[in-house]
């Protein structure tokens, strides 16, 4: 867990942040505080939060404290990072089947900075989906599992 990033602890807090963050990319990192990959991602997020303060607001969410959003975004792998802009869910084409979230940790700070810049610029132009600027070799690979009812 990062001491420098705000933590959202319930659905109401998440709803409020989604509604109130305006003209910035809202970054929600879903994970667990004790997970080593989450800690690695939190370090990247906290190191870049000051540089991105004009473009993004970054929050961490424990998957166990927000099961509604965990199910809604199908957070089956942690950490997963979800992006919003003016209350709208932003999608990113990473070259994988899932455009709703980034799964895993970013390899470098620059990958995260570039991604936020692309999302911000696309959102300011009214786009709801943007193409990822991250090198495909730096994007974690995983299998998308569908759980039917």
N, C-alpha and C. Protein backbone atom coordinates (compact mmCIF):
# COMPACT_ATOMS: atom_id res chain seq x y z
N UNK A 1 0.84 -1.18 0.00
CA UNK A 1 0.00 0.00 0.00
C UNK A 1 0.88 1.24 0.00
N UNK A 2 0.50 2.20 -0.76
CA UNK A 2 1.24 3.46 -0.82
C UNK A 2 0.69 4.44 0.20
N UNK A 3 1.59 5.07 0.91
CA UNK A 3 1.18 6.09 1.88
C UNK A 3 0.85 7.40 1.19
N UNK A 4 1.22 7.55 -0.08
CA UNK A 4 1.05 8.80 -0.79
C UNK A 4 -0.18 8.83 -1.68
N UNK A 5 -0.88 7.71 -1.79
CA UNK A 5 -2.07 7.65 -2.62
C UNK A 5 -3.31 7.51 -1.75
N UNK A 6 -4.37 8.19 -2.15
CA UNK A 6 -5.62 8.12 -1.41
C UNK A 6 -6.26 6.75 -1.61
N UNK A 7 -6.86 6.24 -0.54
CA UNK A 7 -7.48 4.92 -0.60
C UNK A 7 -8.99 5.08 -0.48
N UNK A 8 -9.71 4.40 -1.35
CA UNK A 8 -11.17 4.41 -1.29
C UNK A 8 -11.61 3.10 -0.64
N UNK A 9 -12.47 3.21 0.37
CA UNK A 9 -12.75 2.02 1.17
C UNK A 9 -14.16 1.46 1.02
N UNK A 10 -15.02 2.13 0.25
CA UNK A 10 -16.37 1.58 0.07
C UNK A 10 -16.96 2.06 -1.25
N UNK A 11 -18.07 1.44 -1.63
CA UNK A 11 -18.73 1.77 -2.89
C UNK A 11 -19.13 3.23 -2.95
N UNK A 12 -19.62 3.76 -1.86
CA UNK A 12 -20.05 5.16 -1.83
C UNK A 12 -18.89 6.11 -2.16
N UNK A 13 -17.71 5.83 -1.59
CA UNK A 13 -16.53 6.66 -1.86
C UNK A 13 -16.14 6.60 -3.34
N UNK A 14 -16.19 5.40 -3.91
CA UNK A 14 -15.84 5.22 -5.32
C UNK A 14 -16.83 5.96 -6.21
N UNK A 15 -18.13 5.82 -5.91
CA UNK A 15 -19.16 6.52 -6.67
C UNK A 15 -18.94 8.03 -6.62
N UNK A 16 -18.64 8.55 -5.45
CA UNK A 16 -18.44 9.99 -5.27
C UNK A 16 -17.25 10.49 -6.09
N UNK A 17 -16.15 9.75 -6.06
CA UNK A 17 -14.96 10.15 -6.81
C UNK A 17 -15.23 10.11 -8.32
N UNK A 18 -15.92 9.07 -8.78
CA UNK A 18 -16.24 8.98 -10.21
C UNK A 18 -17.09 10.17 -10.65
N UNK A 19 -18.03 10.58 -9.81
CA UNK A 19 -18.91 11.71 -10.15
C UNK A 19 -18.21 13.06 -10.07
N UNK A 20 -17.27 13.21 -9.14
CA UNK A 20 -16.73 14.55 -8.87
C UNK A 20 -15.42 14.89 -9.57
N UNK A 21 -14.62 13.90 -9.96
CA UNK A 21 -13.36 14.21 -10.63
C UNK A 21 -13.69 14.68 -12.05
N UNK A 22 -13.37 15.95 -12.32
CA UNK A 22 -13.72 16.54 -13.62
C UNK A 22 -12.47 17.00 -14.35
N UNK A 23 -12.51 16.83 -15.68
CA UNK A 23 -11.42 17.28 -16.56
C UNK A 23 -10.07 16.65 -16.23
N UNK A 24 -10.10 15.49 -15.60
CA UNK A 24 -8.89 14.72 -15.31
C UNK A 24 -9.20 13.25 -15.53
N UNK A 25 -8.16 12.48 -15.80
CA UNK A 25 -8.30 11.03 -15.87
C UNK A 25 -8.35 10.51 -14.44
N UNK A 26 -9.36 9.72 -14.13
CA UNK A 26 -9.46 9.09 -12.83
C UNK A 26 -8.87 7.69 -12.94
N UNK A 27 -7.86 7.40 -12.13
CA UNK A 27 -7.18 6.11 -12.14
C UNK A 27 -7.57 5.37 -10.87
N UNK A 28 -8.19 4.21 -11.02
CA UNK A 28 -8.55 3.37 -9.87
C UNK A 28 -7.75 2.08 -9.96
N UNK A 29 -6.85 1.87 -8.99
CA UNK A 29 -6.07 0.62 -8.93
C UNK A 29 -6.78 -0.34 -7.99
N UNK A 30 -7.29 -1.44 -8.52
CA UNK A 30 -7.94 -2.47 -7.73
C UNK A 30 -6.90 -3.54 -7.39
N UNK A 31 -6.79 -3.88 -6.12
CA UNK A 31 -5.83 -4.90 -5.70
C UNK A 31 -5.90 -5.13 -4.20
N UNK A 32 -4.83 -5.69 -3.69
CA UNK A 32 -4.71 -5.94 -2.24
C UNK A 32 -3.40 -5.34 -1.76
N UNK A 33 -3.45 -4.76 -0.57
CA UNK A 33 -2.29 -4.05 -0.03
C UNK A 33 -1.07 -4.94 0.16
N UNK A 34 -1.31 -6.22 0.47
CA UNK A 34 -0.18 -7.10 0.78
C UNK A 34 0.39 -7.82 -0.44
N UNK A 35 -0.21 -7.63 -1.60
CA UNK A 35 0.24 -8.31 -2.81
C UNK A 35 1.50 -7.62 -3.36
N UNK A 36 2.52 -8.40 -3.69
CA UNK A 36 3.81 -7.82 -4.13
C UNK A 36 3.69 -7.07 -5.46
N UNK A 37 2.88 -7.56 -6.39
CA UNK A 37 2.72 -6.87 -7.67
C UNK A 37 1.96 -5.56 -7.45
N UNK A 38 0.99 -5.55 -6.53
CA UNK A 38 0.27 -4.32 -6.20
C UNK A 38 1.23 -3.29 -5.60
N UNK A 39 2.12 -3.75 -4.76
CA UNK A 39 3.10 -2.84 -4.15
C UNK A 39 4.00 -2.23 -5.21
N UNK A 40 4.40 -3.04 -6.19
CA UNK A 40 5.23 -2.54 -7.29
C UNK A 40 4.46 -1.49 -8.10
N UNK A 41 3.20 -1.79 -8.41
CA UNK A 41 2.37 -0.84 -9.15
C UNK A 41 2.14 0.43 -8.34
N UNK A 42 1.87 0.29 -7.05
CA UNK A 42 1.65 1.46 -6.19
C UNK A 42 2.86 2.38 -6.16
N UNK A 43 4.04 1.79 -6.22
CA UNK A 43 5.26 2.60 -6.24
C UNK A 43 5.31 3.44 -7.52
N UNK A 44 4.99 2.84 -8.65
CA UNK A 44 4.97 3.57 -9.92
C UNK A 44 3.90 4.66 -9.87
N UNK A 45 2.71 4.33 -9.36
CA UNK A 45 1.63 5.30 -9.30
C UNK A 45 1.99 6.47 -8.39
N UNK A 46 2.58 6.18 -7.24
CA UNK A 46 2.91 7.27 -6.31
C UNK A 46 4.04 8.14 -6.85
N UNK A 47 5.00 7.54 -7.54
CA UNK A 47 6.11 8.32 -8.11
C UNK A 47 5.65 9.23 -9.25
N UNK A 48 4.59 8.86 -9.94
CA UNK A 48 4.12 9.66 -11.07
C UNK A 48 2.96 10.58 -10.71
N UNK A 49 2.38 10.42 -9.53
CA UNK A 49 1.17 11.19 -9.20
C UNK A 49 1.43 12.70 -9.23
N UNK A 50 2.58 13.14 -8.79
CA UNK A 50 2.87 14.58 -8.81
C UNK A 50 3.04 15.08 -10.25
N UNK A 51 3.75 14.31 -11.07
CA UNK A 51 3.96 14.70 -12.47
C UNK A 51 2.64 14.77 -13.25
N UNK A 52 1.69 13.93 -12.86
CA UNK A 52 0.41 13.84 -13.57
C UNK A 52 -0.70 14.63 -12.89
N UNK A 53 -0.39 15.42 -11.88
CA UNK A 53 -1.42 16.07 -11.07
C UNK A 53 -2.36 16.96 -11.90
N UNK A 54 -1.91 17.49 -13.03
CA UNK A 54 -2.78 18.30 -13.87
C UNK A 54 -3.67 17.46 -14.78
N UNK A 55 -3.29 16.18 -14.99
CA UNK A 55 -4.02 15.33 -15.92
C UNK A 55 -4.77 14.18 -15.25
N UNK A 56 -4.37 13.77 -14.04
CA UNK A 56 -4.94 12.56 -13.45
C UNK A 56 -5.06 12.65 -11.93
N UNK A 57 -6.06 11.95 -11.42
CA UNK A 57 -6.23 11.72 -9.99
C UNK A 57 -6.14 10.21 -9.79
N UNK A 58 -5.29 9.79 -8.85
CA UNK A 58 -5.01 8.36 -8.68
C UNK A 58 -5.49 7.91 -7.31
N UNK A 59 -6.23 6.81 -7.28
CA UNK A 59 -6.75 6.23 -6.04
C UNK A 59 -6.50 4.73 -6.04
N UNK A 60 -6.36 4.17 -4.84
CA UNK A 60 -6.25 2.72 -4.73
C UNK A 60 -7.51 2.18 -4.04
N UNK A 61 -7.94 1.00 -4.49
CA UNK A 61 -9.15 0.37 -3.98
C UNK A 61 -8.81 -1.08 -3.64
N UNK A 62 -9.17 -1.50 -2.44
CA UNK A 62 -8.99 -2.89 -2.06
C UNK A 62 -10.15 -3.69 -2.63
N UNK A 63 -9.85 -4.77 -3.36
CA UNK A 63 -10.90 -5.55 -4.02
C UNK A 63 -11.90 -6.13 -3.02
N UNK A 64 -11.46 -6.38 -1.80
CA UNK A 64 -12.35 -6.96 -0.80
C UNK A 64 -13.31 -5.92 -0.22
N UNK A 65 -12.97 -4.63 -0.30
CA UNK A 65 -13.83 -3.60 0.27
C UNK A 65 -14.87 -3.08 -0.73
N UNK A 66 -14.73 -3.43 -1.99
CA UNK A 66 -15.68 -2.97 -3.02
C UNK A 66 -16.08 -4.12 -3.92
N UNK A 67 -16.77 -5.14 -3.37
CA UNK A 67 -17.11 -6.31 -4.20
C UNK A 67 -18.04 -5.98 -5.37
N UNK A 68 -18.85 -4.93 -5.27
CA UNK A 68 -19.75 -4.56 -6.36
C UNK A 68 -18.93 -4.18 -7.60
N UNK A 69 -17.93 -3.33 -7.40
CA UNK A 69 -17.08 -2.92 -8.53
C UNK A 69 -16.15 -4.03 -8.97
N UNK A 70 -15.73 -4.87 -8.04
CA UNK A 70 -14.88 -6.00 -8.40
C UNK A 70 -15.63 -6.92 -9.37
N UNK A 71 -16.90 -7.16 -9.11
CA UNK A 71 -17.71 -7.99 -10.02
C UNK A 71 -18.03 -7.23 -11.31
N UNK A 72 -18.38 -5.96 -11.19
CA UNK A 72 -18.78 -5.17 -12.35
C UNK A 72 -17.66 -5.09 -13.39
N UNK A 73 -16.43 -4.86 -12.94
CA UNK A 73 -15.30 -4.77 -13.86
C UNK A 73 -14.62 -6.11 -14.07
N UNK A 74 -15.19 -7.19 -13.53
CA UNK A 74 -14.64 -8.54 -13.66
C UNK A 74 -13.16 -8.56 -13.28
N UNK A 75 -12.89 -8.10 -12.06
CA UNK A 75 -11.51 -8.07 -11.56
C UNK A 75 -11.19 -9.48 -11.06
N UNK A 76 -10.66 -10.30 -11.95
CA UNK A 76 -10.28 -11.66 -11.55
C UNK A 76 -8.78 -11.77 -11.37
N UNK A 77 -8.04 -10.86 -11.97
CA UNK A 77 -6.59 -10.79 -11.78
C UNK A 77 -6.27 -9.46 -11.09
N UNK A 78 -5.37 -9.53 -10.11
CA UNK A 78 -4.97 -8.29 -9.45
C UNK A 78 -3.47 -8.10 -9.61
N UNK A 79 -3.02 -6.87 -9.69
CA UNK A 79 -3.83 -5.65 -9.72
C UNK A 79 -4.45 -5.40 -11.09
N UNK A 80 -5.56 -4.70 -11.07
CA UNK A 80 -6.20 -4.23 -12.30
C UNK A 80 -6.43 -2.73 -12.15
N UNK A 81 -6.18 -2.00 -13.22
CA UNK A 81 -6.31 -0.55 -13.19
C UNK A 81 -7.37 -0.12 -14.18
N UNK A 82 -8.33 0.67 -13.68
CA UNK A 82 -9.47 1.11 -14.48
C UNK A 82 -9.39 2.64 -14.61
N UNK A 83 -9.81 3.17 -15.76
CA UNK A 83 -9.70 4.59 -16.04
C UNK A 83 -11.06 5.20 -16.34
N UNK A 84 -11.28 6.43 -15.85
CA UNK A 84 -12.50 7.19 -16.11
C UNK A 84 -12.11 8.60 -16.53
N UNK A 85 -13.05 9.27 -17.21
CA UNK A 85 -12.88 10.69 -17.51
C UNK A 85 -14.26 11.32 -17.48
N UNK A 86 -14.44 12.31 -16.62
CA UNK A 86 -15.74 12.99 -16.44
C UNK A 86 -16.88 12.00 -16.23
N UNK A 87 -16.64 10.99 -15.40
CA UNK A 87 -17.67 10.01 -15.07
C UNK A 87 -17.87 8.92 -16.10
N UNK A 88 -17.14 8.97 -17.21
CA UNK A 88 -17.26 7.97 -18.26
C UNK A 88 -16.11 6.98 -18.18
N UNK A 89 -16.42 5.71 -18.30
CA UNK A 89 -15.39 4.67 -18.28
C UNK A 89 -14.60 4.75 -19.58
N UNK A 90 -13.30 4.93 -19.46
CA UNK A 90 -12.42 5.01 -20.64
C UNK A 90 -11.88 3.62 -20.95
N UNK A 91 -11.91 3.25 -22.20
CA UNK A 91 -11.39 1.96 -22.64
C UNK A 91 -10.10 2.17 -23.41
N UNK A 92 -9.20 1.19 -23.30
CA UNK A 92 -7.90 1.28 -23.97
C UNK A 92 -7.66 -0.02 -24.70
N UNK A 93 -7.28 0.08 -25.98
CA UNK A 93 -6.95 -1.10 -26.78
C UNK A 93 -5.49 -1.45 -26.53
N UNK A 94 -5.26 -2.50 -25.73
CA UNK A 94 -3.91 -2.96 -25.42
C UNK A 94 -3.46 -4.07 -26.36
N UNK A 95 -4.29 -4.42 -27.32
CA UNK A 95 -4.00 -5.55 -28.19
C UNK A 95 -4.42 -6.87 -27.55
N UNK A 96 -5.24 -6.78 -26.50
CA UNK A 96 -5.76 -7.96 -25.81
C UNK A 96 -7.29 -7.95 -25.95
N UNK A 97 -7.94 -9.06 -25.59
CA UNK A 97 -9.40 -9.10 -25.74
C UNK A 97 -10.15 -8.14 -24.81
N UNK A 98 -9.53 -7.72 -23.72
CA UNK A 98 -10.21 -6.89 -22.72
C UNK A 98 -9.71 -5.45 -22.80
N UNK A 99 -10.62 -4.53 -23.14
CA UNK A 99 -10.27 -3.12 -23.25
C UNK A 99 -10.69 -2.33 -22.02
N UNK A 100 -11.30 -2.98 -21.03
CA UNK A 100 -11.89 -2.26 -19.90
C UNK A 100 -10.90 -1.94 -18.78
N UNK A 101 -9.79 -2.66 -18.73
CA UNK A 101 -8.85 -2.46 -17.62
C UNK A 101 -7.45 -2.89 -18.03
N UNK A 102 -6.45 -2.37 -17.29
CA UNK A 102 -5.07 -2.81 -17.48
C UNK A 102 -4.79 -3.81 -16.36
N UNK A 103 -4.37 -5.00 -16.72
CA UNK A 103 -4.11 -6.05 -15.73
C UNK A 103 -2.62 -6.17 -15.50
N UNK A 104 -2.21 -6.17 -14.22
CA UNK A 104 -0.81 -6.30 -13.86
C UNK A 104 -0.19 -4.96 -13.56
N UNK A 105 1.12 -4.95 -13.48
CA UNK A 105 1.85 -3.72 -13.19
C UNK A 105 2.51 -3.20 -14.47
N UNK A 106 2.73 -1.91 -14.51
CA UNK A 106 3.45 -1.32 -15.63
C UNK A 106 4.92 -1.62 -15.46
N UNK A 107 5.61 -1.86 -16.58
CA UNK A 107 7.05 -2.19 -16.51
C UNK A 107 7.87 -0.99 -16.08
N UNK A 108 7.49 0.20 -16.58
CA UNK A 108 8.26 1.41 -16.27
C UNK A 108 7.30 2.55 -15.93
N UNK A 109 7.85 3.57 -15.27
CA UNK A 109 7.09 4.79 -15.00
C UNK A 109 6.65 5.43 -16.31
N UNK A 110 7.54 5.41 -17.30
CA UNK A 110 7.26 6.07 -18.57
C UNK A 110 6.06 5.43 -19.28
N UNK A 111 5.91 4.11 -19.17
CA UNK A 111 4.75 3.45 -19.77
C UNK A 111 3.46 4.03 -19.19
N UNK A 112 3.42 4.19 -17.87
CA UNK A 112 2.23 4.73 -17.22
C UNK A 112 2.00 6.19 -17.62
N UNK A 113 3.06 6.98 -17.62
CA UNK A 113 2.94 8.39 -18.01
C UNK A 113 2.40 8.52 -19.43
N UNK A 114 2.94 7.72 -20.35
CA UNK A 114 2.49 7.76 -21.75
C UNK A 114 1.02 7.36 -21.87
N UNK A 115 0.62 6.33 -21.13
CA UNK A 115 -0.76 5.85 -21.20
C UNK A 115 -1.73 6.93 -20.70
N UNK A 116 -1.42 7.56 -19.59
CA UNK A 116 -2.30 8.60 -19.05
C UNK A 116 -2.39 9.77 -20.03
N UNK A 117 -1.28 10.14 -20.64
CA UNK A 117 -1.30 11.24 -21.60
C UNK A 117 -2.19 10.91 -22.80
N UNK A 118 -2.10 9.68 -23.31
CA UNK A 118 -2.93 9.27 -24.45
C UNK A 118 -4.41 9.24 -24.06
N UNK A 119 -4.72 8.70 -22.87
CA UNK A 119 -6.11 8.67 -22.41
C UNK A 119 -6.64 10.10 -22.26
N UNK A 120 -5.85 10.96 -21.64
CA UNK A 120 -6.27 12.35 -21.42
C UNK A 120 -6.53 13.08 -22.74
N UNK A 121 -5.59 12.98 -23.66
CA UNK A 121 -5.75 13.67 -24.95
C UNK A 121 -6.94 13.11 -25.74
N UNK A 122 -7.10 11.78 -25.70
CA UNK A 122 -8.25 11.17 -26.38
C UNK A 122 -9.56 11.60 -25.76
N UNK A 123 -9.62 11.62 -24.43
CA UNK A 123 -10.84 12.00 -23.73
C UNK A 123 -11.19 13.47 -24.01
N UNK A 124 -10.19 14.32 -24.08
CA UNK A 124 -10.44 15.74 -24.37
C UNK A 124 -10.99 15.93 -25.78
N UNK A 125 -10.73 14.97 -26.66
CA UNK A 125 -11.28 15.01 -28.03
C UNK A 125 -12.60 14.26 -28.13
N UNK A 126 -13.10 13.74 -27.01
CA UNK A 126 -14.39 13.05 -27.01
C UNK A 126 -14.33 11.57 -27.29
N UNK A 127 -13.14 11.00 -27.36
CA UNK A 127 -13.02 9.57 -27.63
C UNK A 127 -13.26 8.78 -26.34
N UNK A 128 -13.91 7.62 -26.49
CA UNK A 128 -14.17 6.75 -25.34
C UNK A 128 -13.23 5.54 -25.33
N UNK A 129 -12.52 5.33 -26.43
CA UNK A 129 -11.53 4.26 -26.49
C UNK A 129 -10.31 4.82 -27.22
N UNK A 130 -9.13 4.49 -26.69
CA UNK A 130 -7.87 4.95 -27.28
C UNK A 130 -6.95 3.75 -27.47
N UNK A 131 -5.97 3.90 -28.32
CA UNK A 131 -4.98 2.84 -28.56
C UNK A 131 -3.82 3.03 -27.60
N UNK A 132 -3.39 1.97 -26.96
CA UNK A 132 -2.32 2.02 -25.99
C UNK A 132 -0.98 2.37 -26.65
N UNK A 133 -0.24 3.31 -26.03
CA UNK A 133 1.09 3.65 -26.55
C UNK A 133 2.19 2.72 -26.01
N UNK A 134 1.81 1.80 -25.13
CA UNK A 134 2.78 0.91 -24.48
C UNK A 134 3.24 -0.17 -25.45
N UNK A 135 4.54 -0.42 -25.48
CA UNK A 135 5.10 -1.49 -26.30
C UNK A 135 4.40 -2.80 -25.93
N UNK A 136 3.88 -3.55 -26.91
CA UNK A 136 3.17 -4.80 -26.61
C UNK A 136 3.99 -5.79 -25.77
N UNK A 137 5.32 -5.72 -25.86
CA UNK A 137 6.15 -6.61 -25.03
C UNK A 137 6.08 -6.23 -23.55
N UNK A 138 5.68 -5.00 -23.24
CA UNK A 138 5.59 -4.54 -21.86
C UNK A 138 4.19 -4.70 -21.27
N UNK A 139 3.28 -5.30 -22.02
CA UNK A 139 1.93 -5.53 -21.52
C UNK A 139 1.81 -6.97 -21.07
N UNK A 140 1.44 -7.19 -19.79
CA UNK A 140 1.32 -8.56 -19.28
C UNK A 140 0.28 -9.34 -20.08
N UNK A 141 0.58 -10.60 -20.32
CA UNK A 141 -0.34 -11.47 -21.06
C UNK A 141 -1.12 -12.33 -20.05
N UNK A 142 -2.40 -12.51 -20.32
CA UNK A 142 -3.24 -13.35 -19.48
C UNK A 142 -4.36 -13.90 -20.33
N UNK A 143 -4.99 -14.95 -19.87
CA UNK A 143 -6.12 -15.55 -20.57
C UNK A 143 -7.41 -14.98 -20.02
N UNK A 144 -8.29 -14.54 -20.91
CA UNK A 144 -9.58 -14.01 -20.51
C UNK A 144 -10.51 -15.18 -20.26
N UNK A 145 -11.04 -15.25 -19.05
CA UNK A 145 -11.94 -16.34 -18.69
C UNK A 145 -13.35 -15.80 -18.61
N UNK A 146 -14.30 -16.52 -19.21
CA UNK A 146 -15.69 -16.11 -19.15
C UNK A 146 -16.42 -17.04 -18.21
N UNK A 147 -17.07 -16.46 -17.22
CA UNK A 147 -17.85 -17.25 -16.27
C UNK A 147 -19.33 -17.09 -16.61
N UNK A 148 -19.89 -18.06 -17.28
CA UNK A 148 -21.31 -17.99 -17.67
C UNK A 148 -22.21 -18.24 -16.47
N UNK A 149 -23.43 -17.81 -16.62
CA UNK A 149 -24.40 -17.96 -15.53
C UNK A 149 -25.02 -19.32 -15.55
